[in-house]
Amino acid sequence: MNKNPMPSNETSRLEALKSLNILDTEAEEEFDALTAMVSQMIDIPMAFITFIDEKRQWIKSKSVPMDISETPREISFCQHAIMQDAVYEVNNAIENELFKDNPMVVNDPNVRFYAGMPLKTSDGFNLGTICVIDNKPRQLTQEHRQVLQEYAREVVQLVESRRRN
């Protein structure tokens, strides 16, 4: 089992990500409003909008104050989510072979639950995720999956509108 998968279109995906000029930008109210709403609608403590570049997961927005803006890509749950076309869900990370030894699981913030929906651009690249995290095991309902899908579309529209402006 490959713990660090790469999309087959990785070079083009990274070019698309760079072309949007989103990485390392300041916090923005529109993105923060989306993470806050996702957290509230799914009733989960942490929601993030992240982008995956060559070596890291960069956090554009978070629903809770945390002194973290990025993590190494190799420990990122989101790197697995961008390999999917639907919500990627880990119900109990401490019991999951891919994640049980992950520093984010065994140390603070003690991730147990993760669900991430890829941010798929109009040209078909999964650049990152909108994701929710909890420090206790859980499972999304179908309604919650739909919420993540809807908000992923909203994030992509926001990001792609930068390219047009």
N, C-alpha and C. Protein backbone atom coordinates (compact mmCIF):
# COMPACT_ATOMS: atom_id res chain seq x y z
N MET A 1 0.85 -1.18 0.00
CA MET A 1 0.00 0.00 0.00
C MET A 1 0.89 1.24 0.00
N ASN A 2 0.68 2.15 -0.97
CA ASN A 2 1.48 3.36 -1.08
C ASN A 2 0.95 4.43 -0.12
N LYS A 3 1.79 4.80 0.85
CA LYS A 3 1.37 5.80 1.83
C LYS A 3 1.43 7.21 1.27
N ASN A 4 2.14 7.43 0.16
CA ASN A 4 2.27 8.76 -0.43
C ASN A 4 1.95 8.74 -1.91
N PRO A 5 0.68 8.58 -2.24
CA PRO A 5 0.29 8.51 -3.65
C PRO A 5 0.44 9.86 -4.35
N MET A 6 0.65 9.80 -5.65
CA MET A 6 0.73 11.00 -6.47
C MET A 6 -0.28 10.88 -7.61
N PRO A 7 -0.98 11.96 -7.91
CA PRO A 7 -1.89 11.92 -9.06
C PRO A 7 -1.11 11.68 -10.35
N SER A 8 -1.73 10.99 -11.30
CA SER A 8 -1.06 10.70 -12.57
C SER A 8 -0.77 11.97 -13.36
N ASN A 9 -1.52 13.04 -13.09
CA ASN A 9 -1.33 14.30 -13.79
C ASN A 9 -0.60 15.33 -12.92
N GLU A 10 0.29 14.87 -12.06
CA GLU A 10 0.92 15.72 -11.03
C GLU A 10 1.58 16.97 -11.61
N THR A 11 2.35 16.86 -12.68
CA THR A 11 3.04 18.03 -13.24
C THR A 11 2.04 19.08 -13.70
N SER A 12 1.03 18.66 -14.44
CA SER A 12 -0.01 19.59 -14.92
C SER A 12 -0.83 20.14 -13.76
N ARG A 13 -1.09 19.32 -12.77
CA ARG A 13 -1.85 19.74 -11.59
C ARG A 13 -1.11 20.86 -10.86
N LEU A 14 0.19 20.69 -10.69
CA LEU A 14 1.00 21.70 -10.01
C LEU A 14 1.06 23.00 -10.82
N GLU A 15 1.15 22.88 -12.13
CA GLU A 15 1.14 24.08 -12.98
C GLU A 15 -0.18 24.82 -12.84
N ALA A 16 -1.28 24.08 -12.83
CA ALA A 16 -2.61 24.70 -12.66
C ALA A 16 -2.70 25.39 -11.31
N LEU A 17 -2.20 24.76 -10.26
CA LEU A 17 -2.23 25.35 -8.93
C LEU A 17 -1.44 26.66 -8.91
N LYS A 18 -0.24 26.64 -9.47
CA LYS A 18 0.59 27.85 -9.47
C LYS A 18 -0.05 28.98 -10.27
N SER A 19 -0.75 28.63 -11.34
CA SER A 19 -1.36 29.66 -12.20
C SER A 19 -2.46 30.44 -11.49
N LEU A 20 -3.00 29.89 -10.41
CA LEU A 20 -4.08 30.55 -9.69
C LEU A 20 -3.59 31.57 -8.65
N ASN A 21 -2.30 31.56 -8.38
CA ASN A 21 -1.72 32.52 -7.43
C ASN A 21 -2.47 32.54 -6.09
N ILE A 22 -2.77 31.36 -5.57
CA ILE A 22 -3.48 31.25 -4.30
C ILE A 22 -2.53 30.92 -3.15
N LEU A 23 -1.46 30.19 -3.45
CA LEU A 23 -0.54 29.74 -2.39
C LEU A 23 0.09 30.92 -1.66
N ASP A 24 0.15 30.79 -0.34
CA ASP A 24 0.80 31.77 0.53
C ASP A 24 0.14 33.15 0.51
N THR A 25 -1.13 33.20 0.16
CA THR A 25 -1.86 34.46 0.22
C THR A 25 -2.42 34.66 1.63
N GLU A 26 -2.78 35.87 1.93
CA GLU A 26 -3.34 36.20 3.24
C GLU A 26 -4.71 35.55 3.42
N ALA A 27 -5.16 35.50 4.66
CA ALA A 27 -6.52 35.03 4.95
C ALA A 27 -7.51 35.95 4.25
N GLU A 28 -8.63 35.37 3.82
CA GLU A 28 -9.66 36.14 3.13
C GLU A 28 -11.02 35.78 3.70
N GLU A 29 -11.81 36.80 3.92
CA GLU A 29 -13.11 36.65 4.56
C GLU A 29 -14.01 35.62 3.85
N GLU A 30 -13.99 35.64 2.52
CA GLU A 30 -14.86 34.71 1.77
C GLU A 30 -14.52 33.25 2.05
N PHE A 31 -13.25 32.93 2.12
CA PHE A 31 -12.82 31.56 2.40
C PHE A 31 -13.12 31.20 3.86
N ASP A 32 -12.83 32.14 4.76
CA ASP A 32 -13.08 31.88 6.18
C ASP A 32 -14.57 31.67 6.46
N ALA A 33 -15.43 32.38 5.74
CA ALA A 33 -16.87 32.20 5.90
C ALA A 33 -17.29 30.79 5.47
N LEU A 34 -16.68 30.30 4.42
CA LEU A 34 -17.01 28.94 3.94
C LEU A 34 -16.59 27.87 4.95
N THR A 35 -15.38 27.99 5.51
CA THR A 35 -14.96 26.98 6.50
C THR A 35 -15.83 27.05 7.74
N ALA A 36 -16.20 28.25 8.16
CA ALA A 36 -17.07 28.39 9.33
C ALA A 36 -18.43 27.75 9.07
N MET A 37 -18.98 27.96 7.89
CA MET A 37 -20.30 27.39 7.57
C MET A 37 -20.25 25.87 7.48
N VAL A 38 -19.20 25.33 6.87
CA VAL A 38 -19.06 23.87 6.78
C VAL A 38 -18.97 23.26 8.18
N SER A 39 -18.15 23.85 9.02
CA SER A 39 -18.01 23.36 10.40
C SER A 39 -19.35 23.37 11.11
N GLN A 40 -20.09 24.43 10.95
CA GLN A 40 -21.39 24.56 11.61
C GLN A 40 -22.42 23.59 11.02
N MET A 41 -22.49 23.50 9.70
CA MET A 41 -23.50 22.65 9.06
C MET A 41 -23.29 21.16 9.33
N ILE A 42 -22.01 20.76 9.45
CA ILE A 42 -21.71 19.35 9.71
C ILE A 42 -21.57 19.09 11.21
N ASP A 43 -21.55 20.16 12.01
CA ASP A 43 -21.40 20.08 13.45
C ASP A 43 -20.12 19.33 13.81
N ILE A 44 -19.03 19.87 13.31
CA ILE A 44 -17.71 19.29 13.53
C ILE A 44 -16.76 20.43 13.89
N PRO A 45 -15.83 20.21 14.81
CA PRO A 45 -15.05 21.33 15.33
C PRO A 45 -14.09 22.00 14.34
N MET A 46 -13.53 21.25 13.41
CA MET A 46 -12.49 21.83 12.55
C MET A 46 -12.83 21.65 11.08
N ALA A 47 -12.71 22.74 10.33
CA ALA A 47 -12.86 22.70 8.87
C ALA A 47 -11.71 23.50 8.27
N PHE A 48 -11.22 23.03 7.13
CA PHE A 48 -10.07 23.66 6.48
C PHE A 48 -10.27 23.71 4.98
N ILE A 49 -9.65 24.69 4.36
CA ILE A 49 -9.46 24.72 2.91
C ILE A 49 -7.96 24.63 2.71
N THR A 50 -7.54 23.59 2.00
CA THR A 50 -6.10 23.36 1.83
C THR A 50 -5.76 23.17 0.35
N PHE A 51 -4.51 23.45 0.04
CA PHE A 51 -3.98 23.21 -1.30
C PHE A 51 -2.70 22.40 -1.16
N ILE A 52 -2.51 21.47 -2.09
CA ILE A 52 -1.36 20.56 -2.04
C ILE A 52 -0.37 20.95 -3.13
N ASP A 53 0.82 21.41 -2.73
CA ASP A 53 1.86 21.66 -3.73
C ASP A 53 2.88 20.53 -3.69
N GLU A 54 4.07 20.75 -4.23
CA GLU A 54 5.04 19.66 -4.35
C GLU A 54 5.37 19.01 -3.01
N LYS A 55 5.56 19.81 -1.99
CA LYS A 55 6.09 19.28 -0.74
C LYS A 55 5.21 19.49 0.48
N ARG A 56 4.12 20.23 0.32
CA ARG A 56 3.35 20.57 1.51
C ARG A 56 1.86 20.67 1.23
N GLN A 57 1.15 20.62 2.33
CA GLN A 57 -0.27 20.97 2.34
C GLN A 57 -0.32 22.36 2.94
N TRP A 58 -0.79 23.32 2.16
CA TRP A 58 -0.87 24.70 2.65
C TRP A 58 -2.31 25.01 3.01
N ILE A 59 -2.53 25.61 4.15
CA ILE A 59 -3.87 25.88 4.66
C ILE A 59 -4.25 27.32 4.34
N LYS A 60 -5.27 27.45 3.48
CA LYS A 60 -5.78 28.78 3.11
C LYS A 60 -6.73 29.31 4.18
N SER A 61 -7.54 28.42 4.75
CA SER A 61 -8.54 28.85 5.71
C SER A 61 -8.78 27.75 6.73
N LYS A 62 -9.09 28.16 7.96
CA LYS A 62 -9.42 27.21 9.02
C LYS A 62 -10.52 27.80 9.88
N SER A 63 -11.37 26.94 10.37
CA SER A 63 -12.53 27.39 11.15
C SER A 63 -12.20 27.62 12.63
N VAL A 64 -11.04 27.19 13.04
CA VAL A 64 -10.63 27.36 14.44
C VAL A 64 -9.25 28.01 14.49
N PRO A 65 -9.00 28.81 15.52
CA PRO A 65 -7.66 29.40 15.63
C PRO A 65 -6.64 28.31 15.93
N MET A 66 -5.66 28.20 15.09
CA MET A 66 -4.56 27.23 15.27
C MET A 66 -3.29 27.88 14.74
N ASP A 67 -2.21 27.63 15.40
CA ASP A 67 -0.94 28.19 14.96
C ASP A 67 -0.28 27.24 13.97
N ILE A 68 -0.95 27.04 12.85
CA ILE A 68 -0.42 26.16 11.81
C ILE A 68 -0.89 26.69 10.46
N SER A 69 0.03 26.75 9.51
CA SER A 69 -0.34 27.22 8.17
C SER A 69 -0.02 26.19 7.09
N GLU A 70 0.74 25.16 7.47
CA GLU A 70 1.06 24.11 6.51
C GLU A 70 1.55 22.87 7.25
N THR A 71 1.51 21.75 6.53
CA THR A 71 2.08 20.51 7.04
C THR A 71 2.85 19.85 5.89
N PRO A 72 3.81 19.01 6.19
CA PRO A 72 4.48 18.28 5.12
C PRO A 72 3.47 17.43 4.34
N ARG A 73 3.62 17.39 3.05
CA ARG A 73 2.68 16.65 2.21
C ARG A 73 2.60 15.19 2.62
N GLU A 74 3.72 14.60 3.00
CA GLU A 74 3.74 13.16 3.29
C GLU A 74 2.90 12.76 4.50
N ILE A 75 2.55 13.72 5.37
CA ILE A 75 1.68 13.37 6.50
C ILE A 75 0.25 13.90 6.31
N SER A 76 0.00 14.49 5.16
CA SER A 76 -1.29 15.10 4.89
C SER A 76 -2.37 14.07 4.54
N PHE A 77 -3.50 14.17 5.18
CA PHE A 77 -4.66 13.37 4.80
C PHE A 77 -5.16 13.83 3.43
N CYS A 78 -5.05 15.14 3.19
CA CYS A 78 -5.59 15.71 1.95
C CYS A 78 -4.89 15.20 0.70
N GLN A 79 -3.62 14.78 0.82
CA GLN A 79 -2.95 14.23 -0.36
C GLN A 79 -3.65 12.95 -0.84
N HIS A 80 -4.29 12.26 0.06
CA HIS A 80 -5.06 11.06 -0.31
C HIS A 80 -6.41 11.47 -0.90
N ALA A 81 -6.99 12.53 -0.35
CA ALA A 81 -8.29 12.99 -0.84
C ALA A 81 -8.21 13.49 -2.28
N ILE A 82 -7.10 14.13 -2.67
CA ILE A 82 -7.01 14.65 -4.03
C ILE A 82 -6.89 13.54 -5.08
N MET A 83 -6.71 12.33 -4.63
CA MET A 83 -6.66 11.18 -5.54
C MET A 83 -8.07 10.67 -5.87
N GLN A 84 -9.07 11.24 -5.23
CA GLN A 84 -10.46 10.76 -5.35
C GLN A 84 -11.30 11.74 -6.18
N ASP A 85 -12.49 11.27 -6.55
CA ASP A 85 -13.46 12.14 -7.21
C ASP A 85 -14.65 12.42 -6.31
N ALA A 86 -14.65 11.87 -5.13
CA ALA A 86 -15.75 12.03 -4.18
C ALA A 86 -15.14 12.29 -2.80
N VAL A 87 -15.98 12.40 -1.81
CA VAL A 87 -15.51 12.63 -0.44
C VAL A 87 -14.65 11.44 0.01
N TYR A 88 -13.48 11.76 0.54
CA TYR A 88 -12.57 10.76 1.10
C TYR A 88 -12.73 10.82 2.62
N GLU A 89 -13.06 9.69 3.22
CA GLU A 89 -13.41 9.67 4.63
C GLU A 89 -12.57 8.64 5.39
N VAL A 90 -12.04 9.06 6.52
CA VAL A 90 -11.31 8.19 7.44
C VAL A 90 -12.07 8.27 8.75
N ASN A 91 -12.77 7.20 9.10
CA ASN A 91 -13.66 7.22 10.27
C ASN A 91 -12.94 7.17 11.60
N ASN A 92 -11.81 6.43 11.65
CA ASN A 92 -11.02 6.36 12.88
C ASN A 92 -9.56 6.18 12.50
N ALA A 93 -8.84 7.29 12.46
CA ALA A 93 -7.47 7.29 11.96
C ALA A 93 -6.53 6.41 12.77
N ILE A 94 -6.77 6.27 14.06
CA ILE A 94 -5.87 5.48 14.90
C ILE A 94 -5.97 3.99 14.54
N GLU A 95 -7.06 3.59 13.90
CA GLU A 95 -7.24 2.20 13.48
C GLU A 95 -7.01 2.00 11.98
N ASN A 96 -6.59 3.05 11.28
CA ASN A 96 -6.39 3.00 9.84
C ASN A 96 -4.91 2.77 9.54
N GLU A 97 -4.60 1.76 8.74
CA GLU A 97 -3.21 1.40 8.42
C GLU A 97 -2.41 2.56 7.85
N LEU A 98 -3.04 3.40 7.04
CA LEU A 98 -2.33 4.53 6.43
C LEU A 98 -1.97 5.62 7.44
N PHE A 99 -2.78 5.76 8.47
CA PHE A 99 -2.65 6.93 9.33
C PHE A 99 -2.33 6.66 10.79
N LYS A 100 -2.35 5.42 11.23
CA LYS A 100 -2.22 5.13 12.67
C LYS A 100 -0.91 5.63 13.28
N ASP A 101 0.15 5.78 12.48
CA ASP A 101 1.44 6.28 12.98
C ASP A 101 1.69 7.74 12.61
N ASN A 102 0.72 8.37 11.98
CA ASN A 102 0.86 9.75 11.51
C ASN A 102 1.02 10.69 12.71
N PRO A 103 1.97 11.63 12.65
CA PRO A 103 2.16 12.57 13.76
C PRO A 103 0.89 13.38 14.10
N MET A 104 0.04 13.63 13.12
CA MET A 104 -1.20 14.38 13.37
C MET A 104 -2.22 13.52 14.12
N VAL A 105 -2.00 12.22 14.12
CA VAL A 105 -2.90 11.28 14.81
C VAL A 105 -2.37 10.99 16.21
N VAL A 106 -1.08 10.69 16.32
CA VAL A 106 -0.51 10.31 17.61
C VAL A 106 -0.16 11.50 18.49
N ASN A 107 -0.06 12.69 17.91
CA ASN A 107 0.22 13.92 18.65
C ASN A 107 -0.92 14.91 18.42
N ASP A 108 -0.83 16.06 19.05
CA ASP A 108 -1.79 17.13 18.84
C ASP A 108 -1.87 17.48 17.36
N PRO A 109 -3.02 17.54 16.74
CA PRO A 109 -4.37 17.68 17.28
C PRO A 109 -5.12 16.36 17.47
N ASN A 110 -4.41 15.23 17.48
CA ASN A 110 -5.03 13.92 17.74
C ASN A 110 -6.20 13.63 16.80
N VAL A 111 -5.93 13.73 15.51
CA VAL A 111 -6.97 13.49 14.49
C VAL A 111 -7.47 12.06 14.60
N ARG A 112 -8.76 11.92 14.68
CA ARG A 112 -9.40 10.59 14.62
C ARG A 112 -10.27 10.49 13.39
N PHE A 113 -10.97 11.57 13.08
CA PHE A 113 -11.87 11.58 11.93
C PHE A 113 -11.41 12.63 10.93
N TYR A 114 -11.47 12.26 9.65
CA TYR A 114 -11.14 13.17 8.56
C TYR A 114 -12.09 12.89 7.41
N ALA A 115 -12.60 13.93 6.80
CA ALA A 115 -13.34 13.81 5.54
C ALA A 115 -12.98 15.00 4.68
N GLY A 116 -12.56 14.73 3.45
CA GLY A 116 -12.16 15.80 2.54
C GLY A 116 -12.74 15.61 1.16
N MET A 117 -13.23 16.70 0.60
CA MET A 117 -13.74 16.72 -0.76
C MET A 117 -12.73 17.46 -1.63
N PRO A 118 -12.27 16.81 -2.72
CA PRO A 118 -11.30 17.48 -3.59
C PRO A 118 -11.88 18.76 -4.20
N LEU A 119 -10.99 19.73 -4.36
CA LEU A 119 -11.32 20.97 -5.05
C LEU A 119 -10.94 20.78 -6.52
N LYS A 120 -11.92 20.35 -7.31
CA LYS A 120 -11.67 20.03 -8.73
C LYS A 120 -11.97 21.25 -9.58
N THR A 121 -10.95 21.73 -10.29
CA THR A 121 -11.10 22.90 -11.14
C THR A 121 -11.93 22.56 -12.38
N SER A 122 -12.33 23.60 -13.09
CA SER A 122 -13.12 23.39 -14.31
C SER A 122 -12.33 22.64 -15.37
N ASP A 123 -10.99 22.69 -15.29
CA ASP A 123 -10.18 21.93 -16.24
C ASP A 123 -9.75 20.57 -15.69
N GLY A 124 -10.36 20.15 -14.56
CA GLY A 124 -10.23 18.77 -14.10
C GLY A 124 -9.09 18.45 -13.14
N PHE A 125 -8.49 19.46 -12.52
CA PHE A 125 -7.38 19.21 -11.60
C PHE A 125 -7.85 19.31 -10.15
N ASN A 126 -7.51 18.31 -9.34
CA ASN A 126 -7.78 18.34 -7.90
C ASN A 126 -6.60 19.04 -7.23
N LEU A 127 -6.84 20.29 -6.84
CA LEU A 127 -5.74 21.12 -6.33
C LEU A 127 -5.60 21.07 -4.82
N GLY A 128 -6.65 20.70 -4.14
CA GLY A 128 -6.65 20.66 -2.70
C GLY A 128 -7.97 20.12 -2.22
N THR A 129 -8.37 20.52 -1.00
CA THR A 129 -9.62 20.01 -0.44
C THR A 129 -10.31 21.05 0.41
N ILE A 130 -11.58 20.81 0.63
CA ILE A 130 -12.26 21.39 1.77
C ILE A 130 -12.49 20.17 2.67
N CYS A 131 -12.04 20.27 3.90
CA CYS A 131 -12.08 19.08 4.76
C CYS A 131 -12.55 19.42 6.16
N VAL A 132 -13.01 18.39 6.84
CA VAL A 132 -13.43 18.51 8.23
C VAL A 132 -12.69 17.47 9.06
N ILE A 133 -12.38 17.86 10.29
CA ILE A 133 -11.57 17.00 11.16
C ILE A 133 -12.15 17.03 12.57
N ASP A 134 -12.08 15.87 13.22
CA ASP A 134 -12.52 15.78 14.61
C ASP A 134 -11.50 14.93 15.37
N ASN A 135 -11.44 15.11 16.69
CA ASN A 135 -10.53 14.29 17.49
C ASN A 135 -11.26 13.11 18.13
N LYS A 136 -12.42 12.78 17.56
CA LYS A 136 -13.11 11.55 17.95
C LYS A 136 -13.63 10.87 16.68
N PRO A 137 -13.71 9.55 16.68
CA PRO A 137 -14.20 8.84 15.50
C PRO A 137 -15.65 9.23 15.19
N ARG A 138 -15.97 9.21 13.92
CA ARG A 138 -17.35 9.49 13.50
C ARG A 138 -17.54 9.06 12.06
N GLN A 139 -18.73 9.30 11.55
CA GLN A 139 -19.06 8.95 10.17
C GLN A 139 -20.00 10.01 9.63
N LEU A 140 -19.74 10.44 8.39
CA LEU A 140 -20.60 11.43 7.76
C LEU A 140 -21.92 10.80 7.33
N THR A 141 -22.96 11.60 7.34
CA THR A 141 -24.22 11.20 6.73
C THR A 141 -24.14 11.56 5.24
N GLN A 142 -25.08 11.06 4.46
CA GLN A 142 -25.12 11.44 3.05
C GLN A 142 -25.33 12.95 2.91
N GLU A 143 -26.14 13.51 3.78
CA GLU A 143 -26.38 14.96 3.75
C GLU A 143 -25.08 15.73 4.00
N HIS A 144 -24.26 15.25 4.92
CA HIS A 144 -22.98 15.90 5.21
C HIS A 144 -22.03 15.80 4.01
N ARG A 145 -22.04 14.67 3.34
CA ARG A 145 -21.21 14.53 2.13
C ARG A 145 -21.64 15.55 1.08
N GLN A 146 -22.95 15.73 0.94
CA GLN A 146 -23.46 16.71 -0.02
C GLN A 146 -23.04 18.13 0.36
N VAL A 147 -23.03 18.42 1.65
CA VAL A 147 -22.58 19.74 2.11
C VAL A 147 -21.12 19.96 1.68
N LEU A 148 -20.27 18.98 1.91
CA LEU A 148 -18.86 19.11 1.50
C LEU A 148 -18.75 19.30 -0.02
N GLN A 149 -19.53 18.55 -0.78
CA GLN A 149 -19.50 18.68 -2.24
C GLN A 149 -19.92 20.08 -2.68
N GLU A 150 -20.99 20.59 -2.09
CA GLU A 150 -21.47 21.94 -2.42
C GLU A 150 -20.43 23.00 -2.11
N TYR A 151 -19.86 22.92 -0.93
CA TYR A 151 -18.89 23.92 -0.53
C TYR A 151 -17.60 23.80 -1.33
N ALA A 152 -17.24 22.62 -1.75
CA ALA A 152 -16.07 22.46 -2.63
C ALA A 152 -16.29 23.23 -3.93
N ARG A 153 -17.50 23.13 -4.48
CA ARG A 153 -17.82 23.89 -5.70
C ARG A 153 -17.70 25.40 -5.45
N GLU A 154 -18.16 25.85 -4.29
CA GLU A 154 -18.07 27.28 -3.94
C GLU A 154 -16.62 27.73 -3.86
N VAL A 155 -15.78 26.92 -3.23
CA VAL A 155 -14.36 27.26 -3.11
C VAL A 155 -13.73 27.35 -4.49
N VAL A 156 -14.00 26.38 -5.34
CA VAL A 156 -13.43 26.37 -6.69
C VAL A 156 -13.87 27.62 -7.46
N GLN A 157 -15.14 28.00 -7.34
CA GLN A 157 -15.60 29.21 -8.01
C GLN A 157 -14.85 30.44 -7.52
N LEU A 158 -14.64 30.53 -6.21
CA LEU A 158 -13.88 31.65 -5.65
C LEU A 158 -12.45 31.68 -6.20
N VAL A 159 -11.81 30.53 -6.19
CA VAL A 159 -10.42 30.44 -6.65
C VAL A 159 -10.33 30.75 -8.14
N GLU A 160 -11.21 30.16 -8.93
CA GLU A 160 -11.14 30.38 -10.37
C GLU A 160 -11.52 31.80 -10.77
N SER A 161 -12.31 32.47 -9.95
CA SER A 161 -12.66 33.86 -10.27
C SER A 161 -11.41 34.76 -10.22
N ARG A 162 -10.40 34.36 -9.47
CA ARG A 162 -9.12 35.10 -9.44
C ARG A 162 -8.46 35.10 -10.80
N ARG A 163 -8.56 33.96 -11.48
CA ARG A 163 -7.92 33.81 -12.78
C ARG A 163 -8.58 34.74 -13.80
N ARG A 164 -9.89 34.92 -13.66
CA ARG A 164 -10.64 35.75 -14.60
C ARG A 164 -10.47 37.24 -14.31
N ASN A 165 -10.12 37.58 -13.07
CA ASN A 165 -10.02 39.01 -12.70
C ASN A 165 -8.62 39.57 -12.94
